[in-house]
Amino acid sequence: MRAARQTCSGLRVIVLAFLSTTSFEAQNTPSVRKLVYKVAPKYPHELKQNAIGGVVRLSISISSNGSVGKISPIGGNPILVDAATLAVRQWKYVPSDHPTTTEVQLDFIPSQQ
């Protein structure tokens, strides 16, 4: 029983050390990169004609030279996700010393496009 308590205490220390390291890294993440060139997505004709809108959220990787690399959809209508991805792939950000990852949200509002 005593060995089990020591093992449990040891695990608590490891978990706490991991959590404090994770928290420290989260606090030291670089600020959001400034967008310097933005292409608006093309609203799919069928959706606009039928007044179907929505919100698309994407996770994007930005290389150190400012170009957009990997794009992963987080949510949204699949047709709107495709339109948003085509546009975001052309975006450019301010160069940095290292690559970053951020999330972007694009709103498709039929009456405004």
PDB file of N, CA and C in Angstrom:
ATOM      1  N   MET A   1       0.822  -1.196   0.000  1.00  0.00           N
ATOM      2  CA  MET A   1       0.000   0.000   0.000  1.00  0.00           C
ATOM      3  C   MET A   1       0.866   1.261   0.000  1.00  0.00           C
ATOM      4  N   ARG A   2       1.964   1.206   0.776  1.00  0.00           N
ATOM      5  CA  ARG A   2       2.853   2.353   0.856  1.00  0.00           C
ATOM      6  C   ARG A   2       3.494   2.649  -0.504  1.00  0.00           C
ATOM      7  N   ALA A   3       3.864   1.615  -1.246  1.00  0.00           N
ATOM      8  CA  ALA A   3       4.462   1.787  -2.570  1.00  0.00           C
ATOM      9  C   ALA A   3       3.463   2.422  -3.532  1.00  0.00           C
ATOM     10  N   ALA A   4       2.199   2.043  -3.409  1.00  0.00           N
ATOM     11  CA  ALA A   4       1.164   2.628  -4.266  1.00  0.00           C
ATOM     12  C   ALA A   4       1.005   4.101  -3.984  1.00  0.00           C
ATOM     13  N   ARG A   5       1.068   4.492  -2.708  1.00  0.00           N
ATOM     14  CA  ARG A   5       0.959   5.922  -2.348  1.00  0.00           C
ATOM     15  C   ARG A   5       2.142   6.711  -2.900  1.00  0.00           C
ATOM     16  N   GLN A   6       3.344   6.135  -2.808  1.00  0.00           N
ATOM     17  CA  GLN A   6       4.535   6.817  -3.332  1.00  0.00           C
ATOM     18  C   GLN A   6       4.435   6.975  -4.846  1.00  0.00           C
ATOM     19  N   THR A   7       3.965   5.926  -5.519  1.00  0.00           N
ATOM     20  CA  THR A   7       3.790   6.002  -6.969  1.00  0.00           C
ATOM     21  C   THR A   7       2.768   7.069  -7.321  1.00  0.00           C
ATOM     22  N   CYS A   8       1.673   7.107  -6.579  1.00  0.00           N
ATOM     23  CA  CYS A   8       0.624   8.106  -6.820  1.00  0.00           C
ATOM     24  C   CYS A   8       1.173   9.510  -6.604  1.00  0.00           C
ATOM     25  N   SER A   9       1.964   9.702  -5.533  1.00  0.00           N
ATOM     26  CA  SER A   9       2.563  11.019  -5.270  1.00  0.00           C
ATOM     27  C   SER A   9       3.516  11.409  -6.389  1.00  0.00           C
ATOM     28  N   GLY A  10       4.289  10.425  -6.860  1.00  0.00           N
ATOM     29  CA  GLY A  10       5.214  10.688  -7.957  1.00  0.00           C
ATOM     30  C   GLY A  10       4.485  11.101  -9.219  1.00  0.00           C
ATOM     31  N   LEU A  11       3.366  10.458  -9.504  1.00  0.00           N
ATOM     32  CA  LEU A  11       2.571  10.816 -10.677  1.00  0.00           C
ATOM     33  C   LEU A  11       2.004  12.220 -10.548  1.00  0.00           C
ATOM     34  N   ARG A  12       1.575  12.581  -9.349  1.00  0.00           N
ATOM     35  CA  ARG A  12       1.054  13.943  -9.128  1.00  0.00           C
ATOM     36  C   ARG A  12       2.124  14.984  -9.447  1.00  0.00           C
ATOM     37  N   VAL A  13       3.350  14.728  -9.017  1.00  0.00           N
ATOM     38  CA  VAL A  13       4.454  15.657  -9.280  1.00  0.00           C
ATOM     39  C   VAL A  13       4.685  15.775 -10.783  1.00  0.00           C
ATOM     40  N   ILE A  14       4.670  14.646 -11.486  1.00  0.00           N
ATOM     41  CA  ILE A  14       4.896  14.669 -12.932  1.00  0.00           C
ATOM     42  C   ILE A  14       3.773  15.430 -13.627  1.00  0.00           C
ATOM     43  N   VAL A  15       2.531  15.156 -13.240  1.00  0.00           N
ATOM     44  CA  VAL A  15       1.389  15.839 -13.852  1.00  0.00           C
ATOM     45  C   VAL A  15       1.452  17.329 -13.575  1.00  0.00           C
ATOM     46  N   LEU A  16       1.742  17.714 -12.337  1.00  0.00           N
ATOM     47  CA  LEU A  16       1.840  19.140 -12.005  1.00  0.00           C
ATOM     48  C   LEU A  16       2.969  19.810 -12.766  1.00  0.00           C
ATOM     49  N   ALA A  17       4.097  19.131 -12.909  1.00  0.00           N
ATOM     50  CA  ALA A  17       5.221  19.688 -13.672  1.00  0.00           C
ATOM     51  C   ALA A  17       4.822  19.875 -15.130  1.00  0.00           C
ATOM     52  N   PHE A  18       4.117  18.901 -15.693  1.00  0.00           N
ATOM     53  CA  PHE A  18       3.653  19.002 -17.070  1.00  0.00           C
ATOM     54  C   PHE A  18       2.683  20.170 -17.229  1.00  0.00           C
ATOM     55  N   LEU A  19       1.732  20.285 -16.307  1.00  0.00           N
ATOM     56  CA  LEU A  19       0.747  21.362 -16.400  1.00  0.00           C
ATOM     57  C   LEU A  19       1.396  22.726 -16.273  1.00  0.00           C
ATOM     58  N   SER A  20       2.356  22.873 -15.375  1.00  0.00           N
ATOM     59  CA  SER A  20       2.997  24.177 -15.233  1.00  0.00           C
ATOM     60  C   SER A  20       3.845  24.506 -16.457  1.00  0.00           C
ATOM     61  N   THR A  21       4.475  23.510 -17.075  1.00  0.00           N
ATOM     62  CA  THR A  21       5.235  23.741 -18.308  1.00  0.00           C
ATOM     63  C   THR A  21       4.291  24.136 -19.433  1.00  0.00           C
ATOM     64  N   THR A  22       3.172  23.430 -19.546  1.00  0.00           N
ATOM     65  CA  THR A  22       2.198  23.736 -20.593  1.00  0.00           C
ATOM     66  C   THR A  22       1.661  25.151 -20.422  1.00  0.00           C
ATOM     67  N   SER A  23       1.340  25.534 -19.197  1.00  0.00           N
ATOM     68  CA  SER A  23       0.828  26.881 -18.951  1.00  0.00           C
ATOM     69  C   SER A  23       1.866  27.930 -19.330  1.00  0.00           C
ATOM     70  N   PHE A  24       3.127  27.679 -18.997  1.00  0.00           N
ATOM     71  CA  PHE A  24       4.188  28.618 -19.311  1.00  0.00           C
ATOM     72  C   PHE A  24       4.313  28.797 -20.816  1.00  0.00           C
ATOM     73  N   GLU A  25       4.264  27.697 -21.568  1.00  0.00           N
ATOM     74  CA  GLU A  25       4.367  27.785 -23.019  1.00  0.00           C
ATOM     75  C   GLU A  25       3.186  28.543 -23.607  1.00  0.00           C
ATOM     76  N   ALA A  26       1.999  28.341 -23.071  1.00  0.00           N
ATOM     77  CA  ALA A  26       0.817  29.029 -23.592  1.00  0.00           C
ATOM     78  C   ALA A  26       0.935  30.535 -23.375  1.00  0.00           C
ATOM     79  N   GLN A  27       1.535  30.940 -22.273  1.00  0.00           N
ATOM     80  CA  GLN A  27       1.672  32.367 -21.992  1.00  0.00           C
ATOM     81  C   GLN A  27       2.721  33.027 -22.881  1.00  0.00           C
ATOM     82  N   ASN A  28       3.662  32.246 -23.382  1.00  0.00           N
ATOM     83  CA  ASN A  28       4.746  32.803 -24.175  1.00  0.00           C
ATOM     84  C   ASN A  28       4.557  32.635 -25.675  1.00  0.00           C
ATOM     85  N   THR A  29       3.355  32.327 -26.121  1.00  0.00           N
ATOM     86  CA  THR A  29       3.126  32.196 -27.553  1.00  0.00           C
ATOM     87  C   THR A  29       3.238  33.563 -28.206  1.00  0.00           C
ATOM     88  N   PRO A  30       3.756  33.619 -29.426  1.00  0.00           N
ATOM     89  CA  PRO A  30       3.919  34.913 -30.082  1.00  0.00           C
ATOM     90  C   PRO A  30       2.571  35.555 -30.394  1.00  0.00           C
ATOM     91  N   SER A  31       2.592  36.860 -30.539  1.00  0.00           N
ATOM     92  CA  SER A  31       1.360  37.567 -30.844  1.00  0.00           C
ATOM     93  C   SER A  31       0.897  37.218 -32.255  1.00  0.00           C
ATOM     94  N   VAL A  32      -0.327  37.552 -32.551  1.00  0.00           N
ATOM     95  CA  VAL A  32      -0.912  37.244 -33.849  1.00  0.00           C
ATOM     96  C   VAL A  32      -0.153  37.985 -34.949  1.00  0.00           C
ATOM     97  N   ARG A  33       0.113  37.282 -36.031  1.00  0.00           N
ATOM     98  CA  ARG A  33       0.826  37.878 -37.159  1.00  0.00           C
ATOM     99  C   ARG A  33      -0.103  38.814 -37.904  1.00  0.00           C
ATOM    100  N   LYS A  34       0.445  39.902 -38.403  1.00  0.00           N
ATOM    101  CA  LYS A  34      -0.348  40.893 -39.129  1.00  0.00           C
ATOM    102  C   LYS A  34      -0.569  40.434 -40.566  1.00  0.00           C
ATOM    103  N   LEU A  35      -1.814  40.482 -40.979  1.00  0.00           N
ATOM    104  CA  LEU A  35      -2.201  40.126 -42.339  1.00  0.00           C
ATOM    105  C   LEU A  35      -1.901  41.314 -43.250  1.00  0.00           C
ATOM    106  N   VAL A  36      -1.124  41.083 -44.323  1.00  0.00           N
ATOM    107  CA  VAL A  36      -0.757  42.185 -45.219  1.00  0.00           C
ATOM    108  C   VAL A  36      -1.411  42.079 -46.595  1.00  0.00           C
ATOM    109  N   TYR A  37      -1.926  40.896 -46.953  1.00  0.00           N
ATOM    110  CA  TYR A  37      -2.601  40.730 -48.238  1.00  0.00           C
ATOM    111  C   TYR A  37      -3.731  39.729 -48.038  1.00  0.00           C
ATOM    112  N   LYS A  38      -4.934  40.152 -48.402  1.00  0.00           N
ATOM    113  CA  LYS A  38      -6.107  39.316 -48.157  1.00  0.00           C
ATOM    114  C   LYS A  38      -6.950  39.219 -49.425  1.00  0.00           C
ATOM    115  N   VAL A  39      -7.327  38.005 -49.775  1.00  0.00           N
ATOM    116  CA  VAL A  39      -8.226  37.758 -50.897  1.00  0.00           C
ATOM    117  C   VAL A  39      -9.576  37.366 -50.315  1.00  0.00           C
ATOM    118  N   ALA A  40     -10.634  38.037 -50.759  1.00  0.00           N
ATOM    119  CA  ALA A  40     -11.982  37.697 -50.294  1.00  0.00           C
ATOM    120  C   ALA A  40     -12.446  36.404 -50.957  1.00  0.00           C
ATOM    121  N   PRO A  41     -13.135  35.545 -50.210  1.00  0.00           N
ATOM    122  CA  PRO A  41     -13.618  34.301 -50.820  1.00  0.00           C
ATOM    123  C   PRO A  41     -14.737  34.575 -51.817  1.00  0.00           C
ATOM    124  N   LYS A  42     -14.825  33.740 -52.838  1.00  0.00           N
ATOM    125  CA  LYS A  42     -15.917  33.845 -53.807  1.00  0.00           C
ATOM    126  C   LYS A  42     -17.106  33.107 -53.233  1.00  0.00           C
ATOM    127  N   TYR A  43     -18.206  33.829 -53.110  1.00  0.00           N
ATOM    128  CA  TYR A  43     -19.422  33.240 -52.549  1.00  0.00           C
ATOM    129  C   TYR A  43     -20.000  32.273 -53.580  1.00  0.00           C
ATOM    130  N   PRO A  44     -20.165  31.005 -53.249  1.00  0.00           N
ATOM    131  CA  PRO A  44     -20.743  30.051 -54.200  1.00  0.00           C
ATOM    132  C   PRO A  44     -22.126  30.514 -54.665  1.00  0.00           C
ATOM    133  N   HIS A  45     -22.308  30.587 -55.978  1.00  0.00           N
ATOM    134  CA  HIS A  45     -23.520  31.137 -56.577  1.00  0.00           C
ATOM    135  C   HIS A  45     -24.796  30.470 -56.052  1.00  0.00           C
ATOM    136  N   GLU A  46     -24.789  29.135 -55.979  1.00  0.00           N
ATOM    137  CA  GLU A  46     -25.987  28.417 -55.551  1.00  0.00           C
ATOM    138  C   GLU A  46     -26.388  28.790 -54.127  1.00  0.00           C
ATOM    139  N   LEU A  47     -25.405  28.936 -53.269  1.00  0.00           N
ATOM    140  CA  LEU A  47     -25.705  29.273 -51.881  1.00  0.00           C
ATOM    141  C   LEU A  47     -26.171  30.717 -51.752  1.00  0.00           C
ATOM    142  N   LYS A  48     -25.520  31.607 -52.464  1.00  0.00           N
ATOM    143  CA  LYS A  48     -25.922  33.013 -52.405  1.00  0.00           C
ATOM    144  C   LYS A  48     -27.328  33.186 -52.969  1.00  0.00           C
ATOM    145  N   GLN A  49     -27.608  32.519 -54.072  1.00  0.00           N
ATOM    146  CA  GLN A  49     -28.921  32.610 -54.718  1.00  0.00           C
ATOM    147  C   GLN A  49     -30.029  32.132 -53.780  1.00  0.00           C
ATOM    148  N   ASN A  50     -29.730  31.144 -52.971  1.00  0.00           N
ATOM    149  CA  ASN A  50     -30.721  30.600 -52.034  1.00  0.00           C
ATOM    150  C   ASN A  50     -30.587  31.191 -50.628  1.00  0.00           C
ATOM    151  N   ALA A  51     -29.836  32.265 -50.511  1.00  0.00           N
ATOM    152  CA  ALA A  51     -29.642  32.983 -49.243  1.00  0.00           C
ATOM    153  C   ALA A  51     -29.125  32.061 -48.134  1.00  0.00           C
ATOM    154  N   ILE A  52     -28.194  31.192 -48.500  1.00  0.00           N
ATOM    155  CA  ILE A  52     -27.584  30.296 -47.511  1.00  0.00           C
ATOM    156  C   ILE A  52     -26.224  30.864 -47.141  1.00  0.00           C
ATOM    157  N   GLY A  53     -26.077  31.215 -45.893  1.00  0.00           N
ATOM    158  CA  GLY A  53     -24.824  31.766 -45.405  1.00  0.00           C
ATOM    159  C   GLY A  53     -24.255  30.888 -44.317  1.00  0.00           C
ATOM    160  N   GLY A  54     -23.280  31.399 -43.650  1.00  0.00           N
ATOM    161  CA  GLY A  54     -22.693  30.659 -42.543  1.00  0.00           C
ATOM    162  C   GLY A  54     -21.333  31.180 -42.171  1.00  0.00           C
ATOM    163  N   VAL A  55     -20.770  30.556 -41.191  1.00  0.00           N
ATOM    164  CA  VAL A  55     -19.455  30.920 -40.676  1.00  0.00           C
ATOM    165  C   VAL A  55     -18.514  29.748 -40.924  1.00  0.00           C
ATOM    166  N   VAL A  56     -17.317  30.060 -41.399  1.00  0.00           N
ATOM    167  CA  VAL A  56     -16.280  29.053 -41.599  1.00  0.00           C
ATOM    168  C   VAL A  56     -15.123  29.391 -40.673  1.00  0.00           C
ATOM    169  N   ARG A  57     -14.662  28.388 -39.942  1.00  0.00           N
ATOM    170  CA  ARG A  57     -13.492  28.557 -39.090  1.00  0.00           C
ATOM    171  C   ARG A  57     -12.397  27.624 -39.593  1.00  0.00           C
ATOM    172  N   LEU A  58     -11.204  28.185 -39.744  1.00  0.00           N
ATOM    173  CA  LEU A  58     -10.059  27.430 -40.250  1.00  0.00           C
ATOM    174  C   LEU A  58      -8.872  27.598 -39.315  1.00  0.00           C
ATOM    175  N   SER A  59      -8.096  26.542 -39.177  1.00  0.00           N
ATOM    176  CA  SER A  59      -6.810  26.616 -38.504  1.00  0.00           C
ATOM    177  C   SER A  59      -5.772  26.680 -39.615  1.00  0.00           C
ATOM    178  N   ILE A  60      -4.903  27.698 -39.555  1.00  0.00           N
ATOM    179  CA  ILE A  60      -3.921  27.859 -40.628  1.00  0.00           C
ATOM    180  C   ILE A  60      -2.503  27.920 -40.063  1.00  0.00           C
ATOM    181  N   SER A  61      -1.587  27.347 -40.821  1.00  0.00           N
ATOM    182  CA  SER A  61      -0.165  27.428 -40.501  1.00  0.00           C
ATOM    183  C   SER A  61       0.448  28.493 -41.396  1.00  0.00           C
ATOM    184  N   ILE A  62       1.190  29.390 -40.784  1.00  0.00           N
ATOM    185  CA  ILE A  62       1.831  30.475 -41.518  1.00  0.00           C
ATOM    186  C   ILE A  62       3.340  30.256 -41.456  1.00  0.00           C
ATOM    187  N   SER A  63       3.972  30.164 -42.618  1.00  0.00           N
ATOM    188  CA  SER A  63       5.419  29.935 -42.655  1.00  0.00           C
ATOM    189  C   SER A  63       6.158  31.195 -42.207  1.00  0.00           C
ATOM    190  N   SER A  64       7.441  31.053 -41.975  1.00  0.00           N
ATOM    191  CA  SER A  64       8.224  32.209 -41.528  1.00  0.00           C
ATOM    192  C   SER A  64       8.265  33.316 -42.577  1.00  0.00           C
ATOM    193  N   ASN A  65       8.098  32.963 -43.876  1.00  0.00           N
ATOM    194  CA  ASN A  65       8.102  34.011 -44.908  1.00  0.00           C
ATOM    195  C   ASN A  65       6.736  34.686 -45.072  1.00  0.00           C
ATOM    196  N   GLY A  66       5.724  34.218 -44.329  1.00  0.00           N
ATOM    197  CA  GLY A  66       4.417  34.873 -44.340  1.00  0.00           C
ATOM    198  C   GLY A  66       3.373  34.218 -45.209  1.00  0.00           C
ATOM    199  N   SER A  67       3.735  33.153 -45.917  1.00  0.00           N
ATOM    200  CA  SER A  67       2.736  32.487 -46.761  1.00  0.00           C
ATOM    201  C   SER A  67       1.961  31.451 -45.943  1.00  0.00           C
ATOM    202  N   VAL A  68       0.741  31.190 -46.378  1.00  0.00           N
ATOM    203  CA  VAL A  68      -0.116  30.230 -45.692  1.00  0.00           C
ATOM    204  C   VAL A  68       0.226  28.832 -46.183  1.00  0.00           C
ATOM    205  N   GLY A  69       0.409  27.923 -45.250  1.00  0.00           N
ATOM    206  CA  GLY A  69       0.720  26.536 -45.576  1.00  0.00           C
ATOM    207  C   GLY A  69      -0.495  25.658 -45.373  1.00  0.00           C
ATOM    208  N   LYS A  70      -0.428  24.815 -44.360  1.00  0.00           N
ATOM    209  CA  LYS A  70      -1.499  23.863 -44.089  1.00  0.00           C
ATOM    210  C   LYS A  70      -2.760  24.598 -43.599  1.00  0.00           C
ATOM    211  N   ILE A  71      -3.892  24.194 -44.146  1.00  0.00           N
ATOM    212  CA  ILE A  71      -5.185  24.744 -43.746  1.00  0.00           C
ATOM    213  C   ILE A  71      -6.064  23.580 -43.313  1.00  0.00           C
ATOM    214  N   SER A  72      -6.574  23.653 -42.085  1.00  0.00           N
ATOM    215  CA  SER A  72      -7.450  22.605 -41.565  1.00  0.00           C
ATOM    216  C   SER A  72      -8.789  23.206 -41.178  1.00  0.00           C
ATOM    217  N   PRO A  73      -9.885  22.699 -41.736  1.00  0.00           N
ATOM    218  CA  PRO A  73     -11.195  23.231 -41.359  1.00  0.00           C
ATOM    219  C   PRO A  73     -11.553  22.846 -39.925  1.00  0.00           C
ATOM    220  N   ILE A  74     -12.120  23.796 -39.216  1.00  0.00           N
ATOM    221  CA  ILE A  74     -12.595  23.553 -37.851  1.00  0.00           C
ATOM    222  C   ILE A  74     -14.111  23.403 -37.878  1.00  0.00           C
ATOM    223  N   GLY A  75     -14.757  24.179 -38.749  1.00  0.00           N
ATOM    224  CA  GLY A  75     -16.207  24.072 -38.838  1.00  0.00           C
ATOM    225  C   GLY A  75     -16.766  24.924 -39.949  1.00  0.00           C
ATOM    226  N   GLY A  76     -17.960  24.551 -40.392  1.00  0.00           N
ATOM    227  CA  GLY A  76     -18.653  25.311 -41.426  1.00  0.00           C
ATOM    228  C   GLY A  76     -19.212  24.404 -42.506  1.00  0.00           C
ATOM    229  N   ASN A  77     -20.088  24.971 -43.315  1.00  0.00           N
ATOM    230  CA  ASN A  77     -20.670  24.271 -44.456  1.00  0.00           C
ATOM    231  C   ASN A  77     -19.524  23.857 -45.387  1.00  0.00           C
ATOM    232  N   PRO A  78     -19.460  22.584 -45.792  1.00  0.00           N
ATOM    233  CA  PRO A  78     -18.337  22.117 -46.624  1.00  0.00           C
ATOM    234  C   PRO A  78     -18.138  22.920 -47.912  1.00  0.00           C
ATOM    235  N   ILE A  79     -19.209  23.393 -48.528  1.00  0.00           N
ATOM    236  CA  ILE A  79     -19.057  24.187 -49.754  1.00  0.00           C
ATOM    237  C   ILE A  79     -18.428  25.536 -49.427  1.00  0.00           C
ATOM    238  N   LEU A  80     -18.835  26.132 -48.304  1.00  0.00           N
ATOM    239  CA  LEU A  80     -18.238  27.401 -47.878  1.00  0.00           C
ATOM    240  C   LEU A  80     -16.791  27.199 -47.423  1.00  0.00           C
ATOM    241  N   VAL A  81     -16.502  26.057 -46.817  1.00  0.00           N
ATOM    242  CA  VAL A  81     -15.127  25.754 -46.398  1.00  0.00           C
ATOM    243  C   VAL A  81     -14.219  25.727 -47.620  1.00  0.00           C
ATOM    244  N   ASP A  82     -14.680  25.120 -48.704  1.00  0.00           N
ATOM    245  CA  ASP A  82     -13.873  25.075 -49.927  1.00  0.00           C
ATOM    246  C   ASP A  82     -13.589  26.481 -50.453  1.00  0.00           C
ATOM    247  N   ALA A  83     -14.613  27.322 -50.487  1.00  0.00           N
ATOM    248  CA  ALA A  83     -14.437  28.697 -50.968  1.00  0.00           C
ATOM    249  C   ALA A  83     -13.482  29.474 -50.062  1.00  0.00           C
ATOM    250  N   ALA A  84     -13.636  29.303 -48.766  1.00  0.00           N
ATOM    251  CA  ALA A  84     -12.777  30.000 -47.812  1.00  0.00           C
ATOM    252  C   ALA A  84     -11.330  29.525 -47.939  1.00  0.00           C
ATOM    253  N   THR A  85     -11.134  28.225 -48.083  1.00  0.00           N
ATOM    254  CA  THR A  85      -9.787  27.665 -48.204  1.00  0.00           C
ATOM    255  C   THR A  85      -9.073  28.197 -49.441  1.00  0.00           C
ATOM    256  N   LEU A  86      -9.782  28.261 -50.564  1.00  0.00           N
ATOM    257  CA  LEU A  86      -9.174  28.796 -51.794  1.00  0.00           C
ATOM    258  C   LEU A  86      -8.708  30.239 -51.601  1.00  0.00           C
ATOM    259  N   ALA A  87      -9.480  31.030 -50.879  1.00  0.00           N
ATOM    260  CA  ALA A  87      -9.110  32.433 -50.649  1.00  0.00           C
ATOM    261  C   ALA A  87      -7.954  32.543 -49.656  1.00  0.00           C
ATOM    262  N   VAL A  88      -8.069  31.863 -48.523  1.00  0.00           N
ATOM    263  CA  VAL A  88      -7.063  31.980 -47.458  1.00  0.00           C
ATOM    264  C   VAL A  88      -5.694  31.481 -47.923  1.00  0.00           C
ATOM    265  N   ARG A  89      -5.667  30.519 -48.808  1.00  0.00           N
ATOM    266  CA  ARG A  89      -4.404  30.004 -49.332  1.00  0.00           C
ATOM    267  C   ARG A  89      -3.588  31.121 -50.005  1.00  0.00           C
ATOM    268  N   GLN A  90      -4.253  32.173 -50.469  1.00  0.00           N
ATOM    269  CA  GLN A  90      -3.578  33.289 -51.151  1.00  0.00           C
ATOM    270  C   GLN A  90      -3.176  34.415 -50.204  1.00  0.00           C
ATOM    271  N   TRP A  91      -3.590  34.363 -48.953  1.00  0.00           N
ATOM    272  CA  TRP A  91      -3.271  35.413 -47.992  1.00  0.00           C
ATOM    273  C   TRP A  91      -1.775  35.440 -47.707  1.00  0.00           C
ATOM    274  N   LYS A  92      -1.301  36.630 -47.331  1.00  0.00           N
ATOM    275  CA  LYS A  92       0.104  36.811 -46.945  1.00  0.00           C
ATOM    276  C   LYS A  92       0.158  37.547 -45.613  1.00  0.00           C
ATOM    277  N   TYR A  93       1.079  37.110 -44.782  1.00  0.00           N
ATOM    278  CA  TYR A  93       1.286  37.711 -43.465  1.00  0.00           C
ATOM    279  C   TYR A  93       2.688  38.304 -43.386  1.00  0.00           C
ATOM    280  N   VAL A  94       2.914  39.138 -42.389  1.00  0.00           N
ATOM    281  CA  VAL A  94       4.228  39.721 -42.142  1.00  0.00           C
ATOM    282  C   VAL A  94       5.207  38.587 -41.837  1.00  0.00           C
ATOM    283  N   PRO A  95       6.398  38.600 -42.443  1.00  0.00           N
ATOM    284  CA  PRO A  95       7.395  37.568 -42.134  1.00  0.00           C
ATOM    285  C   PRO A  95       7.759  37.573 -40.646  1.00  0.00           C
ATOM    286  N   SER A  96       8.236  36.429 -40.181  1.00  0.00           N
ATOM    287  CA  SER A  96       8.598  36.262 -38.777  1.00  0.00           C
ATOM    288  C   SER A  96       9.809  35.338 -38.698  1.00  0.00           C
ATOM    289  N   ASP A  97      10.396  35.245 -37.514  1.00  0.00           N
ATOM    290  CA  ASP A  97      11.539  34.364 -37.310  1.00  0.00           C
ATOM    291  C   ASP A  97      11.155  32.894 -37.296  1.00  0.00           C
ATOM    292  N   HIS A  98       9.871  32.628 -37.101  1.00  0.00           N
ATOM    293  CA  HIS A  98       9.432  31.237 -36.983  1.00  0.00           C
ATOM    294  C   HIS A  98       8.001  31.089 -37.506  1.00  0.00           C
ATOM    295  N   PRO A  99       7.620  29.885 -37.888  1.00  0.00           N
ATOM    296  CA  PRO A  99       6.244  29.658 -38.342  1.00  0.00           C
ATOM    297  C   PRO A  99       5.267  29.747 -37.175  1.00  0.00           C
ATOM    298  N   THR A 100       4.030  30.076 -37.467  1.00  0.00           N
ATOM    299  CA  THR A 100       2.991  30.166 -36.443  1.00  0.00           C
ATOM    300  C   THR A 100       1.719  29.493 -36.942  1.00  0.00           C
ATOM    301  N   THR A 101       0.836  29.243 -36.009  1.00  0.00           N
ATOM    302  CA  THR A 101      -0.473  28.691 -36.330  1.00  0.00           C
ATOM    303  C   THR A 101      -1.516  29.589 -35.692  1.00  0.00           C
ATOM    304  N   THR A 102      -2.594  29.839 -36.416  1.00  0.00           N
ATOM    305  CA  THR A 102      -3.675  30.667 -35.885  1.00  0.00           C
ATOM    306  C   THR A 102      -4.997  30.169 -36.432  1.00  0.00           C
ATOM    307  N   GLU A 103      -6.072  30.693 -35.893  1.00  0.00           N
ATOM    308  CA  GLU A 103      -7.404  30.378 -36.392  1.00  0.00           C
ATOM    309  C   GLU A 103      -8.001  31.627 -37.017  1.00  0.00           C
ATOM    310  N   VAL A 104      -8.713  31.435 -38.124  1.00  0.00           N
ATOM    311  CA  VAL A 104      -9.401  32.548 -38.777  1.00  0.00           C
ATOM    312  C   VAL A 104     -10.862  32.173 -38.949  1.00  0.00           C
ATOM    313  N   GLN A 105     -11.691  33.195 -38.980  1.00  0.00           N
ATOM    314  CA  GLN A 105     -13.124  33.003 -39.174  1.00  0.00           C
ATOM    315  C   GLN A 105     -13.571  33.861 -40.343  1.00  0.00           C
ATOM    316  N   LEU A 106     -14.309  33.257 -41.261  1.00  0.00           N
ATOM    317  CA  LEU A 106     -14.854  33.982 -42.402  1.00  0.00           C
ATOM    318  C   LEU A 106     -16.374  33.870 -42.347  1.00  0.00           C
ATOM    319  N   ASP A 107     -17.035  35.005 -42.448  1.00  0.00           N
ATOM    320  CA  ASP A 107     -18.490  35.046 -42.396  1.00  0.00           C
ATOM    321  C   ASP A 107     -19.043  35.187 -43.814  1.00  0.00           C
ATOM    322  N   PHE A 108     -19.908  34.304 -44.196  1.00  0.00           N
ATOM    323  CA  PHE A 108     -20.588  34.371 -45.482  1.00  0.00           C
ATOM    324  C   PHE A 108     -22.008  34.859 -45.221  1.00  0.00           C
ATOM    325  N   ILE A 109     -22.273  36.109 -45.594  1.00  0.00           N
ATOM    326  CA  ILE A 109     -23.590  36.706 -45.377  1.00  0.00           C
ATOM    327  C   ILE A 109     -24.177  37.037 -46.747  1.00  0.00           C
ATOM    328  N   PRO A 110     -25.228  36.326 -47.173  1.00  0.00           N
ATOM    329  CA  PRO A 110     -25.758  36.483 -48.539  1.00  0.00           C
ATOM    330  C   PRO A 110     -26.120  37.913 -48.911  1.00  0.00           C
ATOM    331  N   SER A 111     -26.661  38.668 -47.997  1.00  0.00           N
ATOM    332  CA  SER A 111     -27.103  40.026 -48.323  1.00  0.00           C
ATOM    333  C   SER A 111     -25.948  41.010 -48.479  1.00  0.00           C
ATOM    334  N   GLN A 112     -24.762  40.645 -48.048  1.00  0.00           N
ATOM    335  CA  GLN A 112     -23.625  41.567 -48.101  1.00  0.00           C
ATOM    336  C   GLN A 112     -22.636  41.243 -49.213  1.00  0.00           C
ATOM    337  N   GLN A 113     -22.823  40.186 -49.934  1.00  0.00           N
ATOM    338  CA  GLN A 113     -21.813  39.805 -50.926  1.00  0.00           C
ATOM    339  C   GLN A 113     -22.310  39.944 -52.328  1.00  0.00           C
TER     340      GLN A 113
END
